[in-house]
Amino acid sequence: MVGAKTIGCINHPGIEAIGRCRQCSKPVCSSCGIRGPAGLYCSDICREKHETFVQRAKALDLERSTRRGLFFHLRNLLGSLLFLAVVLFALGFTASIIYIPVLSEITMTVRGFIGF
């Protein structure tokens, strides 16, 4: 880029940074950047903080997924049943207006059964 400003390392301002710390976003050069499993860090403290954060996030995700238990499944089942009822109602309404050989007969039988 024309006129782009290079960013200097947080510890060595005269040296161009090769990246930013994954935890605190400070610019670091190749000599002071610490490589970790998730990226580049400015210090061991930031690397440990980020690894702790990732472990806690995974634990919370696992906790949330186990809390979904019965209520979550019942809500999904209710949503599916509601969708099915809407589709069946739309088919029955259409069969009441337009003659469809098999569907209209079924619709008339169901309407007679429920008293419509």
N, C-alpha and C. Protein backbone atom coordinates (compact mmCIF):
# COMPACT_ATOMS: atom_id res chain seq x y z
N MET A 1 0.84 -1.18 0.00
CA MET A 1 0.00 0.00 0.00
C MET A 1 0.87 1.23 0.00
N VAL A 2 0.49 2.20 -0.79
CA VAL A 2 1.23 3.44 -0.86
C VAL A 2 0.94 4.25 0.39
N GLY A 3 1.96 4.70 1.04
CA GLY A 3 1.81 5.54 2.22
C GLY A 3 1.40 4.77 3.46
N ALA A 4 1.49 3.46 3.46
CA ALA A 4 1.12 2.67 4.63
C ALA A 4 2.16 2.85 5.71
N LYS A 5 1.72 2.98 6.92
CA LYS A 5 2.61 3.17 8.05
C LYS A 5 2.92 1.81 8.67
N THR A 6 4.20 1.53 8.87
CA THR A 6 4.58 0.26 9.50
C THR A 6 4.47 0.44 11.01
N ILE A 7 4.11 -0.65 11.66
CA ILE A 7 3.93 -0.62 13.11
C ILE A 7 5.16 -1.25 13.74
N GLY A 8 5.69 -0.59 14.76
CA GLY A 8 6.85 -1.09 15.46
C GLY A 8 6.46 -2.00 16.61
N CYS A 9 7.38 -2.85 16.98
CA CYS A 9 7.19 -3.78 18.09
C CYS A 9 6.99 -3.01 19.39
N ILE A 10 6.20 -3.54 20.30
CA ILE A 10 5.95 -2.90 21.59
C ILE A 10 7.23 -2.83 22.43
N ASN A 11 8.11 -3.82 22.29
CA ASN A 11 9.36 -3.85 23.06
C ASN A 11 10.52 -3.23 22.29
N HIS A 12 10.47 -3.25 20.96
CA HIS A 12 11.53 -2.71 20.11
C HIS A 12 10.89 -1.78 19.08
N PRO A 13 10.64 -0.52 19.40
CA PRO A 13 9.92 0.39 18.51
C PRO A 13 10.57 0.58 17.14
N GLY A 14 11.86 0.37 17.00
CA GLY A 14 12.55 0.54 15.73
C GLY A 14 12.41 -0.66 14.79
N ILE A 15 11.93 -1.77 15.30
CA ILE A 15 11.81 -2.99 14.50
C ILE A 15 10.34 -3.19 14.11
N GLU A 16 10.14 -3.56 12.86
CA GLU A 16 8.78 -3.75 12.36
C GLU A 16 8.14 -4.98 13.00
N ALA A 17 6.89 -4.84 13.41
CA ALA A 17 6.15 -5.94 14.02
C ALA A 17 5.72 -6.94 12.95
N ILE A 18 5.75 -8.23 13.32
CA ILE A 18 5.31 -9.27 12.38
C ILE A 18 3.87 -9.68 12.65
N GLY A 19 3.33 -9.26 13.77
CA GLY A 19 1.95 -9.62 14.10
C GLY A 19 1.54 -9.00 15.42
N ARG A 20 0.36 -9.34 15.85
CA ARG A 20 -0.17 -8.82 17.11
C ARG A 20 -0.44 -9.97 18.07
N CYS A 21 -0.31 -9.67 19.35
CA CYS A 21 -0.57 -10.66 20.39
C CYS A 21 -2.03 -11.11 20.31
N ARG A 22 -2.24 -12.39 20.39
CA ARG A 22 -3.58 -12.96 20.29
C ARG A 22 -4.46 -12.54 21.48
N GLN A 23 -3.86 -12.25 22.62
CA GLN A 23 -4.61 -11.91 23.83
C GLN A 23 -4.82 -10.40 23.97
N CYS A 24 -3.76 -9.61 23.83
CA CYS A 24 -3.86 -8.18 24.14
C CYS A 24 -3.72 -7.28 22.91
N SER A 25 -3.43 -7.85 21.77
CA SER A 25 -3.32 -7.13 20.48
C SER A 25 -2.14 -6.17 20.39
N LYS A 26 -1.13 -6.34 21.22
CA LYS A 26 0.07 -5.51 21.12
C LYS A 26 0.92 -6.01 19.95
N PRO A 27 1.53 -5.10 19.20
CA PRO A 27 2.39 -5.53 18.09
C PRO A 27 3.70 -6.12 18.61
N VAL A 28 4.14 -7.23 18.00
CA VAL A 28 5.38 -7.87 18.42
C VAL A 28 6.24 -8.19 17.20
N CYS A 29 7.57 -8.17 17.41
CA CYS A 29 8.51 -8.50 16.33
C CYS A 29 8.84 -9.98 16.39
N SER A 30 9.63 -10.44 15.45
CA SER A 30 9.96 -11.87 15.39
C SER A 30 10.84 -12.32 16.56
N SER A 31 11.61 -11.42 17.15
CA SER A 31 12.49 -11.84 18.24
C SER A 31 11.77 -11.94 19.59
N CYS A 32 10.70 -11.18 19.79
CA CYS A 32 10.03 -11.26 21.10
C CYS A 32 8.66 -11.91 21.02
N GLY A 33 8.20 -12.26 19.86
CA GLY A 33 6.91 -12.95 19.73
C GLY A 33 7.03 -14.39 20.17
N ILE A 34 6.07 -14.85 20.96
CA ILE A 34 6.06 -16.22 21.46
C ILE A 34 4.95 -16.97 20.72
N ARG A 35 5.33 -18.05 20.07
CA ARG A 35 4.36 -18.84 19.30
C ARG A 35 3.64 -19.80 20.25
N GLY A 36 2.35 -19.87 20.07
CA GLY A 36 1.52 -20.79 20.85
C GLY A 36 0.64 -21.58 19.91
N PRO A 37 -0.16 -22.48 20.45
CA PRO A 37 -1.03 -23.30 19.61
C PRO A 37 -2.09 -22.49 18.86
N ALA A 38 -2.47 -21.34 19.41
CA ALA A 38 -3.52 -20.54 18.79
C ALA A 38 -2.99 -19.30 18.08
N GLY A 39 -1.68 -19.08 18.11
CA GLY A 39 -1.15 -17.90 17.42
C GLY A 39 0.08 -17.32 18.10
N LEU A 40 0.22 -16.01 17.93
CA LEU A 40 1.39 -15.28 18.41
C LEU A 40 1.03 -14.52 19.68
N TYR A 41 1.94 -14.48 20.66
CA TYR A 41 1.71 -13.79 21.93
C TYR A 41 2.90 -12.90 22.24
N CYS A 42 2.64 -11.85 23.04
CA CYS A 42 3.72 -10.94 23.41
C CYS A 42 4.49 -11.43 24.63
N SER A 43 3.87 -12.30 25.45
CA SER A 43 4.52 -12.83 26.64
C SER A 43 3.90 -14.16 27.03
N ASP A 44 4.57 -14.85 27.94
CA ASP A 44 4.02 -16.11 28.45
C ASP A 44 2.74 -15.87 29.25
N ILE A 45 2.66 -14.71 29.89
CA ILE A 45 1.46 -14.37 30.67
C ILE A 45 0.24 -14.29 29.75
N CYS A 46 0.39 -13.61 28.61
CA CYS A 46 -0.72 -13.50 27.66
C CYS A 46 -1.08 -14.87 27.08
N ARG A 47 -0.07 -15.69 26.81
CA ARG A 47 -0.34 -17.03 26.29
C ARG A 47 -1.13 -17.84 27.30
N GLU A 48 -0.73 -17.79 28.59
CA GLU A 48 -1.44 -18.52 29.63
C GLU A 48 -2.86 -17.99 29.82
N LYS A 49 -3.03 -16.66 29.77
CA LYS A 49 -4.36 -16.08 29.90
C LYS A 49 -5.27 -16.55 28.77
N HIS A 50 -4.74 -16.57 27.56
CA HIS A 50 -5.55 -16.99 26.42
C HIS A 50 -5.90 -18.48 26.51
N GLU A 51 -4.95 -19.31 26.92
CA GLU A 51 -5.23 -20.74 27.06
C GLU A 51 -6.28 -20.98 28.15
N THR A 52 -6.20 -20.21 29.25
CA THR A 52 -7.20 -20.31 30.32
C THR A 52 -8.57 -19.91 29.81
N PHE A 53 -8.60 -18.82 29.04
CA PHE A 53 -9.86 -18.35 28.45
C PHE A 53 -10.47 -19.42 27.55
N VAL A 54 -9.67 -20.03 26.70
CA VAL A 54 -10.16 -21.05 25.77
C VAL A 54 -10.70 -22.25 26.55
N GLN A 55 -9.99 -22.66 27.60
CA GLN A 55 -10.45 -23.80 28.41
C GLN A 55 -11.78 -23.48 29.10
N ARG A 56 -11.92 -22.26 29.64
CA ARG A 56 -13.17 -21.86 30.29
C ARG A 56 -14.31 -21.79 29.29
N ALA A 57 -14.03 -21.29 28.10
CA ALA A 57 -15.07 -21.21 27.06
C ALA A 57 -15.54 -22.60 26.67
N LYS A 58 -14.63 -23.54 26.53
CA LYS A 58 -15.01 -24.91 26.20
C LYS A 58 -15.83 -25.53 27.32
N ALA A 59 -15.44 -25.27 28.58
CA ALA A 59 -16.19 -25.81 29.72
C ALA A 59 -17.60 -25.23 29.76
N LEU A 60 -17.74 -23.94 29.48
CA LEU A 60 -19.07 -23.32 29.46
C LEU A 60 -19.92 -23.87 28.33
N ASP A 61 -19.33 -24.09 27.17
CA ASP A 61 -20.07 -24.68 26.05
C ASP A 61 -20.55 -26.09 26.40
N LEU A 62 -19.70 -26.86 27.05
CA LEU A 62 -20.07 -28.21 27.44
C LEU A 62 -21.19 -28.16 28.48
N GLU A 63 -21.09 -27.24 29.43
CA GLU A 63 -22.12 -27.08 30.46
C GLU A 63 -23.46 -26.69 29.82
N ARG A 64 -23.41 -25.77 28.88
CA ARG A 64 -24.62 -25.32 28.21
C ARG A 64 -25.26 -26.45 27.41
N SER A 65 -24.42 -27.23 26.74
CA SER A 65 -24.98 -28.32 25.93
C SER A 65 -25.59 -29.41 26.81
N THR A 66 -25.08 -29.63 28.00
CA THR A 66 -25.68 -30.63 28.89
C THR A 66 -26.92 -30.09 29.57
N ARG A 67 -27.05 -28.77 29.71
CA ARG A 67 -28.24 -28.17 30.32
C ARG A 67 -29.43 -28.18 29.37
N ARG A 68 -29.21 -28.42 28.11
CA ARG A 68 -30.29 -28.38 27.13
C ARG A 68 -31.28 -29.50 27.32
N GLY A 69 -31.01 -30.47 28.04
CA GLY A 69 -31.83 -31.60 28.37
C GLY A 69 -33.23 -31.66 27.80
N LEU A 70 -34.18 -31.98 28.68
CA LEU A 70 -35.55 -32.28 28.31
C LEU A 70 -36.28 -31.08 27.73
N PHE A 71 -36.14 -29.91 28.36
CA PHE A 71 -36.86 -28.73 27.88
C PHE A 71 -36.49 -28.39 26.45
N PHE A 72 -35.22 -28.47 26.13
CA PHE A 72 -34.75 -28.17 24.78
C PHE A 72 -35.39 -29.11 23.77
N HIS A 73 -35.43 -30.40 24.08
CA HIS A 73 -36.00 -31.39 23.16
C HIS A 73 -37.51 -31.23 23.04
N LEU A 74 -38.17 -30.92 24.15
CA LEU A 74 -39.63 -30.70 24.10
C LEU A 74 -39.97 -29.47 23.26
N ARG A 75 -39.17 -28.42 23.39
CA ARG A 75 -39.41 -27.22 22.60
C ARG A 75 -39.23 -27.50 21.12
N ASN A 76 -38.22 -28.25 20.77
CA ASN A 76 -38.01 -28.62 19.36
C ASN A 76 -39.15 -29.49 18.85
N LEU A 77 -39.61 -30.43 19.66
CA LEU A 77 -40.73 -31.29 19.27
C LEU A 77 -42.00 -30.47 19.07
N LEU A 78 -42.26 -29.55 19.99
CA LEU A 78 -43.45 -28.70 19.88
C LEU A 78 -43.39 -27.84 18.61
N GLY A 79 -42.22 -27.31 18.30
CA GLY A 79 -42.06 -26.52 17.08
C GLY A 79 -42.31 -27.36 15.83
N SER A 80 -41.83 -28.58 15.83
CA SER A 80 -42.06 -29.46 14.68
C SER A 80 -43.53 -29.82 14.54
N LEU A 81 -44.20 -30.09 15.66
CA LEU A 81 -45.62 -30.41 15.61
C LEU A 81 -46.45 -29.22 15.15
N LEU A 82 -46.08 -28.04 15.58
CA LEU A 82 -46.78 -26.83 15.15
C LEU A 82 -46.62 -26.61 13.65
N PHE A 83 -45.42 -26.81 13.15
CA PHE A 83 -45.17 -26.68 11.72
C PHE A 83 -46.00 -27.69 10.94
N LEU A 84 -46.04 -28.92 11.42
CA LEU A 84 -46.82 -29.97 10.76
C LEU A 84 -48.31 -29.61 10.76
N ALA A 85 -48.83 -29.07 11.86
CA ALA A 85 -50.23 -28.67 11.93
C ALA A 85 -50.54 -27.56 10.93
N VAL A 86 -49.64 -26.59 10.80
CA VAL A 86 -49.85 -25.50 9.84
C VAL A 86 -49.86 -26.04 8.41
N VAL A 87 -48.96 -26.94 8.10
CA VAL A 87 -48.91 -27.52 6.75
C VAL A 87 -50.17 -28.32 6.46
N LEU A 88 -50.61 -29.13 7.43
CA LEU A 88 -51.83 -29.90 7.23
C LEU A 88 -53.05 -29.00 7.09
N PHE A 89 -53.11 -27.93 7.87
CA PHE A 89 -54.22 -26.98 7.75
C PHE A 89 -54.23 -26.34 6.36
N ALA A 90 -53.06 -25.96 5.88
CA ALA A 90 -52.97 -25.34 4.55
C ALA A 90 -53.40 -26.33 3.47
N LEU A 91 -53.00 -27.58 3.58
CA LEU A 91 -53.42 -28.59 2.62
C LEU A 91 -54.94 -28.81 2.68
N GLY A 92 -55.49 -28.88 3.89
CA GLY A 92 -56.92 -29.07 4.04
C GLY A 92 -57.71 -27.90 3.49
N PHE A 93 -57.24 -26.69 3.75
CA PHE A 93 -57.91 -25.50 3.22
C PHE A 93 -57.88 -25.50 1.70
N THR A 94 -56.73 -25.82 1.14
CA THR A 94 -56.60 -25.88 -0.32
C THR A 94 -57.52 -26.96 -0.90
N ALA A 95 -57.60 -28.11 -0.23
CA ALA A 95 -58.44 -29.20 -0.72
C ALA A 95 -59.92 -28.86 -0.59
N SER A 96 -60.29 -27.94 0.33
CA SER A 96 -61.68 -27.51 0.46
C SER A 96 -62.08 -26.60 -0.69
N ILE A 97 -61.14 -25.84 -1.20
CA ILE A 97 -61.42 -24.88 -2.26
C ILE A 97 -61.29 -25.53 -3.64
N ILE A 98 -60.23 -26.28 -3.82
CA ILE A 98 -59.93 -26.91 -5.11
C ILE A 98 -60.08 -28.42 -4.96
N TYR A 99 -60.78 -29.05 -5.88
CA TYR A 99 -60.96 -30.50 -5.80
C TYR A 99 -59.67 -31.22 -6.16
N ILE A 100 -59.16 -31.97 -5.19
CA ILE A 100 -57.98 -32.83 -5.39
C ILE A 100 -58.46 -34.23 -5.03
N PRO A 101 -58.46 -35.17 -5.98
CA PRO A 101 -59.14 -36.46 -5.80
C PRO A 101 -59.00 -37.12 -4.42
N VAL A 102 -57.84 -37.43 -3.96
CA VAL A 102 -57.69 -38.15 -2.69
C VAL A 102 -57.74 -37.19 -1.51
N LEU A 103 -57.09 -36.06 -1.64
CA LEU A 103 -56.98 -35.12 -0.53
C LEU A 103 -58.32 -34.50 -0.18
N SER A 104 -59.16 -34.20 -1.16
CA SER A 104 -60.46 -33.60 -0.89
C SER A 104 -61.35 -34.56 -0.11
N GLU A 105 -61.32 -35.85 -0.45
CA GLU A 105 -62.12 -36.84 0.28
C GLU A 105 -61.66 -36.95 1.73
N ILE A 106 -60.37 -36.96 1.94
CA ILE A 106 -59.83 -37.02 3.30
C ILE A 106 -60.21 -35.77 4.07
N THR A 107 -60.14 -34.63 3.40
CA THR A 107 -60.48 -33.36 4.04
C THR A 107 -61.95 -33.35 4.46
N MET A 108 -62.82 -33.80 3.61
CA MET A 108 -64.25 -33.84 3.94
C MET A 108 -64.51 -34.80 5.11
N THR A 109 -63.82 -35.92 5.15
CA THR A 109 -63.97 -36.87 6.25
C THR A 109 -63.52 -36.24 7.56
N VAL A 110 -62.37 -35.56 7.55
CA VAL A 110 -61.85 -34.92 8.76
C VAL A 110 -62.77 -33.79 9.18
N ARG A 111 -63.27 -33.01 8.24
CA ARG A 111 -64.18 -31.90 8.56
C ARG A 111 -65.47 -32.44 9.17
N GLY A 112 -65.98 -33.56 8.66
CA GLY A 112 -67.17 -34.18 9.26
C GLY A 112 -66.91 -34.72 10.65
N PHE A 113 -65.71 -35.25 10.86
CA PHE A 113 -65.33 -35.79 12.16
C PHE A 113 -65.25 -34.71 13.23
N ILE A 114 -64.70 -33.53 12.87
CA ILE A 114 -64.56 -32.46 13.87
C ILE A 114 -65.77 -31.52 13.87
N GLY A 115 -66.74 -31.76 12.98
CA GLY A 115 -67.97 -30.98 12.99
C GLY A 115 -67.89 -29.67 12.25
N PHE A 116 -67.11 -29.61 11.25
CA PHE A 116 -66.97 -28.39 10.43
C PHE A 116 -67.84 -28.48 9.21
